[in-house]
Amino acid sequence: MVAIRTVILSVATLAASAVAQLAIATPASVVECQPAALSITPGTAPYYISILPGGQVSAAALEQLPTTSATSVTWTCDIAAGTSITFQVKDSTGTIAYSAPITVQAGSTGCLAAGSGTTTAAASTTAASGGTTSAAAGSSSASVAQSSGKGGKR
């Protein structure tokens, strides 16, 4: 009887931990010079968000967003149309999650010459890089591949 209770408790613990894995959700499409809403669940802040070449999780980041404690972040895409990108989020425990690859769609190219996107986060503080804060709007709908590890590269 005790062994059965232990097994049931272990299965319930595993199920709870599987539900609580870090994830980053993205819009179905990203357009040049347009805002894109990102949503992080349920990790441990602060979060480190990187934009990688699409599907290349070990490649150098194309862009590193400011460190944030917010779970909703709006990023203005400053990457050229036709580029495949993957979002990576790493939390303070070292857990890493990836979005599915997304190909940047054509839009206005006015922000590409400046070479830097803007990022806003739904938080009460201003990002160290000078970004402003605001409530992020929009829905998220990309599938997520997840992995974890402590002290991994961002």
N, C-alpha and C. Protein backbone atom coordinates (compact mmCIF):
# COMPACT_ATOMS: atom_id res chain seq x y z
N MET A 1 0.82 -1.20 0.00
CA MET A 1 0.00 0.00 0.00
C MET A 1 0.86 1.26 0.00
N VAL A 2 1.92 1.27 0.79
CA VAL A 2 2.81 2.42 0.84
C VAL A 2 3.51 2.61 -0.51
N ALA A 3 3.92 1.52 -1.14
CA ALA A 3 4.59 1.60 -2.43
C ALA A 3 3.67 2.20 -3.49
N ILE A 4 2.41 1.84 -3.48
CA ILE A 4 1.45 2.38 -4.45
C ILE A 4 1.28 3.88 -4.24
N ARG A 5 1.18 4.32 -2.98
CA ARG A 5 1.07 5.74 -2.70
C ARG A 5 2.30 6.50 -3.18
N THR A 6 3.46 5.93 -2.99
CA THR A 6 4.71 6.57 -3.41
C THR A 6 4.74 6.72 -4.93
N VAL A 7 4.33 5.68 -5.64
CA VAL A 7 4.31 5.74 -7.10
C VAL A 7 3.32 6.80 -7.57
N ILE A 8 2.14 6.84 -6.98
CA ILE A 8 1.14 7.84 -7.37
C ILE A 8 1.66 9.24 -7.08
N LEU A 9 2.28 9.45 -5.95
CA LEU A 9 2.83 10.74 -5.60
C LEU A 9 3.94 11.12 -6.57
N SER A 10 4.80 10.17 -6.94
CA SER A 10 5.87 10.43 -7.89
C SER A 10 5.33 10.82 -9.26
N VAL A 11 4.30 10.13 -9.73
CA VAL A 11 3.70 10.44 -11.02
C VAL A 11 3.06 11.82 -10.98
N ALA A 12 2.39 12.15 -9.89
CA ALA A 12 1.77 13.47 -9.76
C ALA A 12 2.84 14.57 -9.74
N THR A 13 3.94 14.33 -9.08
CA THR A 13 5.04 15.30 -9.04
C THR A 13 5.64 15.49 -10.43
N LEU A 14 5.85 14.41 -11.16
CA LEU A 14 6.38 14.51 -12.52
C LEU A 14 5.43 15.27 -13.44
N ALA A 15 4.15 15.00 -13.32
CA ALA A 15 3.16 15.69 -14.15
C ALA A 15 3.15 17.18 -13.85
N ALA A 16 3.24 17.55 -12.59
CA ALA A 16 3.26 18.96 -12.21
C ALA A 16 4.51 19.65 -12.75
N SER A 17 5.66 18.98 -12.68
CA SER A 17 6.88 19.60 -13.16
C SER A 17 6.88 19.72 -14.69
N ALA A 18 6.25 18.80 -15.39
CA ALA A 18 6.18 18.86 -16.84
C ALA A 18 5.33 20.04 -17.29
N VAL A 19 4.29 20.35 -16.55
CA VAL A 19 3.42 21.47 -16.87
C VAL A 19 4.14 22.79 -16.64
N ALA A 20 5.06 22.85 -15.71
CA ALA A 20 5.70 24.09 -15.31
C ALA A 20 7.02 24.37 -16.03
N GLN A 21 7.23 23.81 -17.21
CA GLN A 21 8.48 24.04 -17.94
C GLN A 21 8.47 25.40 -18.63
N LEU A 22 9.64 26.01 -18.67
CA LEU A 22 9.82 27.30 -19.32
C LEU A 22 9.42 27.21 -20.80
N ALA A 23 8.77 28.24 -21.31
CA ALA A 23 8.37 28.29 -22.71
C ALA A 23 8.37 29.74 -23.18
N ILE A 24 8.59 29.93 -24.47
CA ILE A 24 8.44 31.25 -25.09
C ILE A 24 7.46 31.11 -26.24
N ALA A 25 6.42 31.94 -26.20
CA ALA A 25 5.40 31.91 -27.26
C ALA A 25 5.57 33.16 -28.12
N THR A 26 5.42 32.98 -29.41
CA THR A 26 5.62 34.06 -30.37
C THR A 26 4.42 34.17 -31.28
N PRO A 27 4.29 35.29 -32.00
CA PRO A 27 3.21 35.36 -33.00
C PRO A 27 3.49 34.40 -34.15
N ALA A 28 2.46 34.09 -34.91
CA ALA A 28 2.61 33.17 -36.04
C ALA A 28 3.51 33.77 -37.12
N SER A 29 3.56 35.10 -37.21
CA SER A 29 4.44 35.75 -38.18
C SER A 29 5.06 36.99 -37.56
N VAL A 30 6.22 37.35 -38.08
CA VAL A 30 6.94 38.55 -37.65
C VAL A 30 7.20 39.37 -38.91
N VAL A 31 6.95 40.69 -38.83
CA VAL A 31 7.07 41.57 -40.00
C VAL A 31 8.12 42.64 -39.72
N GLU A 32 8.96 42.92 -40.74
CA GLU A 32 9.98 43.97 -40.62
C GLU A 32 9.38 45.25 -40.04
N CYS A 33 10.08 45.81 -39.05
CA CYS A 33 9.75 47.10 -38.45
C CYS A 33 8.38 47.14 -37.76
N GLN A 34 7.78 46.00 -37.50
CA GLN A 34 6.51 45.92 -36.79
C GLN A 34 6.73 45.27 -35.43
N PRO A 35 5.93 45.64 -34.42
CA PRO A 35 6.07 45.01 -33.10
C PRO A 35 5.62 43.56 -33.10
N ALA A 36 6.30 42.75 -32.32
CA ALA A 36 5.95 41.33 -32.15
C ALA A 36 5.87 41.05 -30.66
N ALA A 37 4.75 40.49 -30.23
CA ALA A 37 4.54 40.18 -28.81
C ALA A 37 5.11 38.81 -28.48
N LEU A 38 5.96 38.76 -27.46
CA LEU A 38 6.54 37.51 -26.97
C LEU A 38 6.00 37.28 -25.57
N SER A 39 5.76 36.04 -25.23
CA SER A 39 5.24 35.70 -23.91
C SER A 39 6.07 34.57 -23.32
N ILE A 40 6.52 34.76 -22.08
CA ILE A 40 7.35 33.78 -21.39
C ILE A 40 6.54 33.15 -20.27
N THR A 41 6.54 31.82 -20.19
CA THR A 41 5.87 31.13 -19.10
C THR A 41 6.67 29.93 -18.68
N PRO A 42 6.60 29.44 -17.51
CA PRO A 42 6.42 30.17 -16.27
C PRO A 42 7.74 30.35 -15.54
N GLY A 43 8.86 30.43 -16.16
CA GLY A 43 10.20 30.42 -15.56
C GLY A 43 10.45 31.31 -14.38
N THR A 44 11.72 31.46 -14.05
CA THR A 44 12.17 32.25 -12.91
C THR A 44 12.97 33.44 -13.44
N ALA A 45 12.46 34.65 -13.20
CA ALA A 45 13.11 35.88 -13.66
C ALA A 45 14.47 36.05 -12.98
N PRO A 46 15.39 36.79 -13.61
CA PRO A 46 15.25 37.50 -14.87
C PRO A 46 15.37 36.56 -16.07
N TYR A 47 14.93 37.08 -17.23
CA TYR A 47 14.93 36.33 -18.47
C TYR A 47 15.91 36.96 -19.46
N TYR A 48 16.58 36.11 -20.23
CA TYR A 48 17.53 36.53 -21.24
C TYR A 48 17.01 36.03 -22.58
N ILE A 49 16.61 36.95 -23.45
CA ILE A 49 16.00 36.57 -24.73
C ILE A 49 16.99 36.86 -25.85
N SER A 50 17.21 35.85 -26.68
CA SER A 50 18.10 35.98 -27.84
C SER A 50 17.33 35.63 -29.10
N ILE A 51 17.75 36.22 -30.21
CA ILE A 51 17.18 35.89 -31.51
C ILE A 51 18.29 35.18 -32.29
N LEU A 52 18.03 33.93 -32.63
CA LEU A 52 19.02 33.08 -33.29
C LEU A 52 18.63 32.86 -34.75
N PRO A 53 19.59 32.46 -35.59
CA PRO A 53 19.22 32.03 -36.94
C PRO A 53 18.22 30.87 -36.82
N GLY A 54 17.19 30.87 -37.66
CA GLY A 54 16.11 29.89 -37.57
C GLY A 54 16.55 28.45 -37.45
N GLY A 55 16.13 27.79 -36.36
CA GLY A 55 16.41 26.38 -36.14
C GLY A 55 17.85 26.06 -35.76
N GLN A 56 18.69 27.05 -35.60
CA GLN A 56 20.11 26.82 -35.29
C GLN A 56 20.38 27.20 -33.83
N VAL A 57 20.00 26.32 -32.92
CA VAL A 57 20.04 26.66 -31.50
C VAL A 57 21.46 26.81 -30.94
N SER A 58 22.47 26.33 -31.64
CA SER A 58 23.84 26.50 -31.14
C SER A 58 24.58 27.64 -31.84
N ALA A 59 23.91 28.34 -32.76
CA ALA A 59 24.54 29.45 -33.50
C ALA A 59 24.63 30.69 -32.63
N ALA A 60 25.50 31.60 -33.01
CA ALA A 60 25.62 32.88 -32.34
C ALA A 60 24.33 33.67 -32.55
N ALA A 61 23.94 34.44 -31.54
CA ALA A 61 22.71 35.23 -31.62
C ALA A 61 22.83 36.33 -32.66
N LEU A 62 21.74 36.53 -33.41
CA LEU A 62 21.64 37.66 -34.32
C LEU A 62 21.42 38.94 -33.52
N GLU A 63 20.71 38.78 -32.41
CA GLU A 63 20.37 39.91 -31.55
C GLU A 63 20.09 39.42 -30.14
N GLN A 64 20.47 40.23 -29.16
CA GLN A 64 20.21 39.94 -27.75
C GLN A 64 19.30 41.04 -27.23
N LEU A 65 18.12 40.68 -26.72
CA LEU A 65 17.22 41.68 -26.16
C LEU A 65 17.66 42.01 -24.74
N PRO A 66 17.24 43.17 -24.23
CA PRO A 66 17.61 43.52 -22.85
C PRO A 66 17.07 42.49 -21.85
N THR A 67 17.85 42.23 -20.81
CA THR A 67 17.42 41.35 -19.74
C THR A 67 16.14 41.93 -19.13
N THR A 68 15.19 41.05 -18.82
CA THR A 68 13.91 41.52 -18.29
C THR A 68 13.37 40.58 -17.22
N SER A 69 12.54 41.12 -16.35
CA SER A 69 11.81 40.31 -15.38
C SER A 69 10.35 40.15 -15.81
N ALA A 70 9.99 40.80 -16.91
CA ALA A 70 8.62 40.75 -17.42
C ALA A 70 8.37 39.45 -18.17
N THR A 71 7.14 38.99 -18.14
CA THR A 71 6.77 37.79 -18.89
C THR A 71 6.12 38.12 -20.23
N SER A 72 5.83 39.39 -20.47
CA SER A 72 5.32 39.86 -21.76
C SER A 72 6.28 40.90 -22.29
N VAL A 73 6.80 40.65 -23.48
CA VAL A 73 7.78 41.55 -24.09
C VAL A 73 7.33 41.84 -25.51
N THR A 74 7.43 43.11 -25.91
CA THR A 74 7.15 43.49 -27.30
C THR A 74 8.46 43.92 -27.94
N TRP A 75 8.81 43.27 -29.03
CA TRP A 75 10.05 43.55 -29.75
C TRP A 75 9.69 44.05 -31.14
N THR A 76 10.31 45.16 -31.56
CA THR A 76 10.12 45.65 -32.92
C THR A 76 11.16 44.99 -33.81
N CYS A 77 10.70 44.24 -34.78
CA CYS A 77 11.57 43.45 -35.65
C CYS A 77 12.46 44.34 -36.49
N ASP A 78 13.77 44.21 -36.29
CA ASP A 78 14.73 44.98 -37.08
C ASP A 78 15.64 44.04 -37.87
N ILE A 79 15.06 42.92 -38.27
CA ILE A 79 15.77 41.91 -39.06
C ILE A 79 15.10 41.84 -40.44
N ALA A 80 15.91 41.73 -41.48
CA ALA A 80 15.43 41.79 -42.86
C ALA A 80 14.47 40.64 -43.21
N ALA A 81 13.52 40.96 -44.10
CA ALA A 81 12.57 39.97 -44.61
C ALA A 81 13.31 38.81 -45.23
N GLY A 82 12.73 37.62 -45.09
CA GLY A 82 13.33 36.42 -45.66
C GLY A 82 14.26 35.71 -44.70
N THR A 83 14.61 36.35 -43.59
CA THR A 83 15.49 35.75 -42.60
C THR A 83 14.68 34.83 -41.69
N SER A 84 15.14 33.61 -41.50
CA SER A 84 14.50 32.68 -40.58
C SER A 84 15.10 32.90 -39.20
N ILE A 85 14.25 33.06 -38.18
CA ILE A 85 14.72 33.30 -36.82
C ILE A 85 14.07 32.34 -35.83
N THR A 86 14.76 32.10 -34.74
CA THR A 86 14.25 31.33 -33.61
C THR A 86 14.49 32.17 -32.37
N PHE A 87 13.49 32.27 -31.51
CA PHE A 87 13.65 32.98 -30.24
C PHE A 87 14.12 31.98 -29.18
N GLN A 88 15.06 32.42 -28.37
CA GLN A 88 15.55 31.61 -27.25
C GLN A 88 15.32 32.41 -25.98
N VAL A 89 14.82 31.76 -24.94
CA VAL A 89 14.72 32.40 -23.63
C VAL A 89 15.44 31.53 -22.62
N LYS A 90 16.22 32.17 -21.78
CA LYS A 90 16.92 31.48 -20.69
C LYS A 90 16.52 32.18 -19.41
N ASP A 91 16.13 31.40 -18.39
CA ASP A 91 15.77 32.03 -17.13
C ASP A 91 16.94 31.97 -16.15
N SER A 92 16.73 32.51 -14.94
CA SER A 92 17.81 32.61 -13.96
C SER A 92 18.28 31.25 -13.44
N THR A 93 17.51 30.20 -13.67
CA THR A 93 17.93 28.86 -13.23
C THR A 93 18.77 28.15 -14.29
N GLY A 94 18.89 28.77 -15.47
CA GLY A 94 19.64 28.16 -16.56
C GLY A 94 18.78 27.35 -17.50
N THR A 95 17.48 27.28 -17.26
CA THR A 95 16.58 26.56 -18.15
C THR A 95 16.42 27.35 -19.44
N ILE A 96 16.44 26.65 -20.57
CA ILE A 96 16.37 27.29 -21.88
C ILE A 96 15.18 26.73 -22.65
N ALA A 97 14.48 27.61 -23.36
CA ALA A 97 13.37 27.21 -24.25
C ALA A 97 13.54 27.93 -25.57
N TYR A 98 13.04 27.30 -26.65
CA TYR A 98 13.15 27.85 -28.00
C TYR A 98 11.78 27.92 -28.64
N SER A 99 11.59 28.92 -29.50
CA SER A 99 10.38 28.97 -30.32
C SER A 99 10.62 28.13 -31.57
N ALA A 100 9.57 27.88 -32.29
CA ALA A 100 9.70 27.28 -33.62
C ALA A 100 10.30 28.34 -34.54
N PRO A 101 11.02 27.94 -35.58
CA PRO A 101 11.56 28.93 -36.53
C PRO A 101 10.43 29.72 -37.21
N ILE A 102 10.67 31.01 -37.42
CA ILE A 102 9.73 31.91 -38.09
C ILE A 102 10.51 32.66 -39.16
N THR A 103 9.93 32.85 -40.33
CA THR A 103 10.57 33.64 -41.38
C THR A 103 10.01 35.06 -41.34
N VAL A 104 10.90 36.04 -41.24
CA VAL A 104 10.49 37.45 -41.19
C VAL A 104 9.83 37.81 -42.52
N GLN A 105 8.66 38.45 -42.42
CA GLN A 105 7.89 38.86 -43.58
C GLN A 105 8.24 40.30 -43.97
N ALA A 106 8.06 40.63 -45.25
CA ALA A 106 8.35 41.98 -45.74
C ALA A 106 7.39 43.00 -45.13
N GLY A 107 7.94 44.15 -44.84
CA GLY A 107 7.17 45.27 -44.30
C GLY A 107 7.92 46.54 -44.63
N SER A 108 7.80 47.52 -43.81
CA SER A 108 8.58 48.75 -43.97
C SER A 108 10.03 48.43 -43.64
N THR A 109 10.96 49.03 -44.34
CA THR A 109 12.38 48.78 -44.06
C THR A 109 13.02 49.96 -43.35
N GLY A 110 12.24 50.94 -42.94
CA GLY A 110 12.75 52.15 -42.30
C GLY A 110 13.57 51.90 -41.05
N CYS A 111 13.24 50.89 -40.28
CA CYS A 111 13.97 50.63 -39.04
C CYS A 111 15.24 49.83 -39.28
N LEU A 112 15.38 49.21 -40.45
CA LEU A 112 16.54 48.37 -40.70
C LEU A 112 17.82 49.18 -40.82
N ALA A 113 17.74 50.39 -41.35
CA ALA A 113 18.92 51.24 -41.48
C ALA A 113 19.47 51.63 -40.11
N ALA A 114 18.59 51.80 -39.14
CA ALA A 114 19.01 52.16 -37.79
C ALA A 114 19.74 51.01 -37.14
N GLY A 115 19.40 49.77 -37.50
CA GLY A 115 20.10 48.61 -36.99
C GLY A 115 19.75 48.21 -35.57
N SER A 116 18.67 48.76 -35.03
CA SER A 116 18.30 48.32 -33.69
C SER A 116 16.79 48.38 -33.52
N GLY A 117 16.25 47.30 -33.01
CA GLY A 117 14.83 47.25 -32.71
C GLY A 117 14.59 47.84 -31.34
N THR A 118 13.34 48.08 -31.01
CA THR A 118 13.02 48.52 -29.67
C THR A 118 12.29 47.40 -28.96
N THR A 119 12.43 47.38 -27.68
CA THR A 119 11.82 46.34 -26.87
C THR A 119 11.07 46.98 -25.72
N THR A 120 9.83 46.58 -25.52
CA THR A 120 9.10 47.03 -24.35
C THR A 120 8.64 45.80 -23.59
N ALA A 121 8.54 45.95 -22.29
CA ALA A 121 8.16 44.82 -21.44
C ALA A 121 7.04 45.24 -20.51
N ALA A 122 6.17 44.30 -20.19
CA ALA A 122 5.08 44.57 -19.26
C ALA A 122 5.64 44.45 -17.85
N ALA A 123 6.31 45.49 -17.40
CA ALA A 123 6.92 45.51 -16.08
C ALA A 123 6.90 46.93 -15.57
N SER A 124 7.24 47.13 -14.29
CA SER A 124 7.19 48.46 -13.71
C SER A 124 8.54 49.15 -13.73
N THR A 125 9.53 48.56 -14.36
CA THR A 125 10.84 49.18 -14.40
C THR A 125 11.27 49.39 -15.84
N THR A 126 12.25 50.26 -16.03
CA THR A 126 12.79 50.53 -17.36
C THR A 126 14.00 49.65 -17.57
N ALA A 127 14.13 49.06 -18.75
CA ALA A 127 15.26 48.19 -19.06
C ALA A 127 16.56 48.98 -19.00
N ALA A 128 17.64 48.33 -18.60
CA ALA A 128 18.94 48.98 -18.45
C ALA A 128 19.43 49.57 -19.77
N SER A 129 18.99 49.03 -20.89
CA SER A 129 19.46 49.52 -22.18
C SER A 129 18.72 50.77 -22.63
N GLY A 130 17.79 51.26 -21.80
CA GLY A 130 17.09 52.48 -22.16
C GLY A 130 15.75 52.25 -22.81
N GLY A 131 15.29 51.02 -22.90
CA GLY A 131 13.98 50.75 -23.47
C GLY A 131 12.90 51.21 -22.53
N THR A 132 11.73 51.53 -23.05
CA THR A 132 10.63 51.95 -22.20
C THR A 132 9.76 50.76 -21.87
N THR A 133 8.96 50.92 -20.84
CA THR A 133 8.09 49.82 -20.45
C THR A 133 6.65 50.16 -20.78
N SER A 134 5.89 49.13 -21.12
CA SER A 134 4.47 49.28 -21.37
C SER A 134 3.85 47.90 -21.35
N ALA A 135 2.53 47.85 -21.27
CA ALA A 135 1.85 46.56 -21.31
C ALA A 135 1.91 46.02 -22.72
N ALA A 136 2.33 44.80 -22.86
CA ALA A 136 2.40 44.18 -24.19
C ALA A 136 1.04 43.64 -24.57
N ALA A 137 0.68 43.79 -25.82
CA ALA A 137 -0.62 43.31 -26.29
C ALA A 137 -0.40 42.29 -27.39
N GLY A 138 -1.41 41.49 -27.63
CA GLY A 138 -1.33 40.53 -28.73
C GLY A 138 -1.39 39.12 -28.21
N SER A 139 -1.63 38.20 -29.13
CA SER A 139 -1.70 36.81 -28.73
C SER A 139 -0.47 36.08 -29.21
N SER A 140 -0.21 34.96 -28.60
CA SER A 140 0.97 34.16 -28.95
C SER A 140 0.52 32.80 -29.44
N SER A 141 1.24 32.25 -30.45
CA SER A 141 0.74 31.00 -31.00
C SER A 141 1.79 30.13 -31.69
N ALA A 142 3.01 30.10 -31.24
CA ALA A 142 4.00 29.23 -31.88
C ALA A 142 4.29 28.03 -31.00
N SER A 143 4.65 26.92 -31.61
CA SER A 143 5.02 25.76 -30.83
C SER A 143 6.41 26.00 -30.24
N VAL A 144 6.70 25.30 -29.17
CA VAL A 144 7.95 25.54 -28.45
C VAL A 144 8.68 24.24 -28.22
N ALA A 145 9.98 24.24 -28.47
CA ALA A 145 10.84 23.13 -28.11
C ALA A 145 11.57 23.55 -26.86
N GLN A 146 11.72 22.66 -25.90
CA GLN A 146 12.29 23.05 -24.63
C GLN A 146 13.46 22.16 -24.27
N SER A 147 14.43 22.77 -23.56
CA SER A 147 15.53 22.01 -22.98
C SER A 147 15.94 22.72 -21.73
N SER A 148 16.69 22.06 -20.89
CA SER A 148 17.16 22.74 -19.69
C SER A 148 18.58 22.36 -19.43
N GLY A 149 19.22 23.22 -18.68
CA GLY A 149 20.62 23.01 -18.29
C GLY A 149 21.09 24.22 -17.57
N LYS A 150 21.96 24.04 -16.62
CA LYS A 150 22.47 25.16 -15.86
C LYS A 150 23.75 25.67 -16.49
N GLY A 151 23.89 26.98 -16.51
CA GLY A 151 25.12 27.59 -16.97
C GLY A 151 25.36 27.50 -18.46
N GLY A 152 24.36 27.20 -19.26
CA GLY A 152 24.52 27.09 -20.69
C GLY A 152 24.75 28.44 -21.33
N LYS A 153 25.16 28.43 -22.58
CA LYS A 153 25.36 29.67 -23.31
C LYS A 153 24.03 30.32 -23.63
N ARG A 154 24.05 31.67 -23.71
CA ARG A 154 22.86 32.39 -24.12
C ARG A 154 23.00 32.76 -25.55
